[in-house]
Protein backbone atom coordinates (compact mmCIF):
# COMPACT_ATOMS: atom_id res chain seq x y z
CA MET A 1 6.06 -1.78 -13.71
CA TYR A 2 5.89 1.77 -12.91
CA GLY A 3 2.02 1.49 -12.22
CA SER A 4 2.33 -1.31 -9.73
CA MET A 5 5.30 0.09 -7.92
CA ILE A 6 3.78 3.38 -7.06
CA VAL A 7 0.64 1.31 -6.04
CA SER A 8 2.73 -0.40 -3.67
CA LEU A 9 4.03 2.40 -2.50
CA LEU A 10 1.03 4.92 -1.96
CA PHE A 11 -0.23 1.54 -0.09
CA TRP A 12 2.26 1.04 2.56
CA GLN A 13 2.29 4.67 2.72
CA PHE A 14 -1.30 4.58 3.84
CA ALA A 15 -0.81 1.21 6.10
CA ASN A 16 1.87 2.92 7.42
CA SER A 17 -0.58 6.33 8.91
CA ILE A 18 -3.14 4.02 9.63
CA VAL A 19 -1.63 1.27 11.87
CA LYS A 20 0.81 1.82 14.92
CA SER A 21 3.90 0.21 14.69
CA THR A 22 3.19 -1.48 17.77
CA GLU A 23 0.65 -3.41 15.77
CA ALA A 24 2.22 -3.69 12.66
CA LYS A 25 3.87 -7.35 13.44
CA ARG A 26 -0.15 -8.56 14.05
CA PHE A 27 -1.67 -6.75 10.63
CA TYR A 28 1.45 -6.66 7.81
CA SER A 29 1.03 -9.87 7.27
CA HIS A 30 -2.31 -9.69 6.61
CA PHE A 31 -2.04 -6.91 4.29
CA GLY A 32 0.56 -8.39 2.01
CA LEU A 33 -1.16 -12.23 2.03
CA LEU A 34 -4.56 -9.80 0.75
CA GLY A 35 -2.22 -7.95 -1.95
CA ASN A 36 -0.75 -11.40 -3.04
CA VAL A 37 -4.39 -12.67 -3.17
CA SER A 38 -5.30 -10.47 -6.25
CA LEU A 39 -2.72 -11.92 -8.77
CA PRO A 40 -4.12 -15.01 -9.01
CA MET A 41 -7.89 -13.37 -9.08
CA VAL A 42 -6.49 -11.20 -12.19
CA ALA A 43 -4.90 -14.56 -14.25
CA VAL A 44 -8.90 -16.55 -13.75
CA VAL A 45 -9.88 -13.11 -15.17
CA PHE A 46 -7.64 -13.15 -17.93
CA TYR A 47 -8.40 -16.54 -18.96
CA ILE A 48 -12.47 -15.91 -18.67
CA PHE A 49 -12.31 -13.21 -20.66
CA LEU A 50 -8.79 -13.24 -23.00
CA SER A 51 -8.94 -16.60 -23.70
CA ASP A 52 -9.47 -18.30 -27.57
CA ASP A 53 -11.43 -21.39 -25.37
CA SER A 54 -13.98 -18.06 -23.99
CA ASN A 55 -17.54 -17.67 -25.60
CA TYR A 56 -18.28 -14.77 -23.05
CA VAL A 57 -17.58 -11.69 -26.00
CA PRO A 58 -16.97 -11.20 -29.53
CA SER A 59 -13.41 -11.35 -30.16
CA ASN A 60 -13.32 -7.61 -31.33
CA LEU A 61 -14.82 -6.51 -27.87
CA LYS A 62 -12.33 -9.00 -25.59
CA MET A 63 -10.90 -5.75 -23.61
CA ILE A 64 -13.90 -4.16 -23.14
CA PRO A 65 -14.58 -6.67 -19.69
CA VAL A 66 -11.83 -5.98 -18.27
CA LEU A 67 -11.52 -2.56 -18.70
CA THR A 68 -14.55 -2.08 -16.97
CA LEU A 69 -13.93 -4.29 -13.96
CA VAL A 70 -10.78 -1.90 -13.89
CA ILE A 71 -12.79 0.93 -13.36
CA ILE A 72 -15.55 -0.63 -11.12
CA PHE A 73 -13.05 -1.40 -9.12
CA ASP A 74 -10.71 1.99 -9.13
CA CYS A 75 -14.07 3.21 -8.51
CA VAL A 76 -14.61 1.10 -5.49
CA PHE A 77 -10.80 1.71 -3.50
CA LEU A 78 -11.37 5.54 -4.61
CA ALA A 79 -14.58 5.46 -2.05
CA LEU A 80 -13.25 3.33 -0.07
CA TYR A 81 -9.79 4.68 0.65
CA THR A 82 -12.08 8.94 0.90
CA TRP A 83 -14.31 6.68 3.21
CA ILE A 84 -12.08 5.69 5.62
CA ASN A 85 -10.20 8.91 5.79
CA ASN A 86 -12.77 11.39 6.41
CA TYR A 87 -14.53 8.99 8.88
CA VAL A 88 -11.88 5.93 10.42
CA VAL A 89 -9.13 8.02 10.63
CA THR A 90 -10.95 11.02 12.12
CA ASP A 91 -12.89 8.94 14.67
CA PRO A 92 -11.36 8.71 18.24
CA GLU A 93 -13.18 5.80 18.82
CA LEU A 94 -11.96 3.70 15.95
CA CYS A 95 -8.51 5.66 15.22
CA ASP A 96 -6.52 6.22 18.53
CA GLN A 97 -4.60 9.22 16.76
CA GLU A 98 -1.41 11.03 19.01
CA LYS A 99 -2.00 14.53 20.25
CA PRO A 100 0.18 16.88 18.01
CA GLN A 101 2.99 18.54 19.97
CA SER A 102 3.40 21.91 20.11
CA LYS A 103 6.43 23.78 17.98
CA GLU A 104 8.14 24.78 21.21
CA SER A 105 7.59 20.76 22.95
CA LYS A 106 9.07 19.10 19.60
CA PRO A 107 12.79 17.83 20.46
CA LYS A 108 15.17 19.58 17.86
CA LYS A 109 16.20 16.77 14.99
CA ALA A 110 20.00 15.67 14.46
CA LYS A 111 21.93 16.73 11.63
CA LEU A 112 24.40 13.72 10.56
CA SER A 113 26.98 14.30 8.22
CA MET A 114 27.17 11.86 5.20
CA GLY A 115 29.15 9.37 7.57
CA ASP A 116 26.90 9.16 10.71
CA SER A 117 24.44 8.72 8.14
CA PHE A 118 26.08 6.06 6.81
CA LYS A 119 26.92 4.87 10.05
CA MET A 120 23.22 4.77 11.43
CA ILE A 121 22.20 2.34 8.81
CA PHE A 122 24.84 -0.27 9.28
CA THR A 123 24.47 -0.18 12.83
CA SER A 124 20.28 -0.45 12.99
CA LYS A 125 19.06 -3.78 12.12
CA TYR A 126 15.53 -2.26 11.01
CA LEU A 127 17.41 0.63 8.61
CA GLY A 128 20.02 -2.01 7.61
CA MET A 129 17.20 -4.42 6.04
CA ILE A 130 15.44 -1.68 4.51
CA CYS A 131 18.41 -0.78 3.09
CA VAL A 132 18.90 -4.10 2.35
CA LEU A 133 14.91 -3.89 0.17
CA VAL A 134 15.66 -0.89 -1.15
CA LEU A 135 18.97 -2.32 -3.13
CA THR A 136 17.44 -5.29 -4.28
């Protein structure tokens, strides 16, 4: 469970870094849909290789094809992540990045007290929904 939570957290952190908030409505539903397609695919792969009815591999070597697929797809995802970070995110034609502000022009962040923080959470629609998601 920890691994799937961390992978999900890392994915959404990466998605937030490459997708603008104005484009979130357009892309996030597709990200969620593609992420949930993997569950039935894993079930099919497990059935093919780990079922007692399958004769694809001997019974003492049933985990080898599954672990091989995991390693192969991990390498593919690592290469894809590296490629996106090196070539897509840094290319101004493909990804419109905001120009970093200088330290002098950055507005100072207001430091809120604990009560003010809770007040902001309960009055903001989006922060309230995030709070509900975290608590559930």
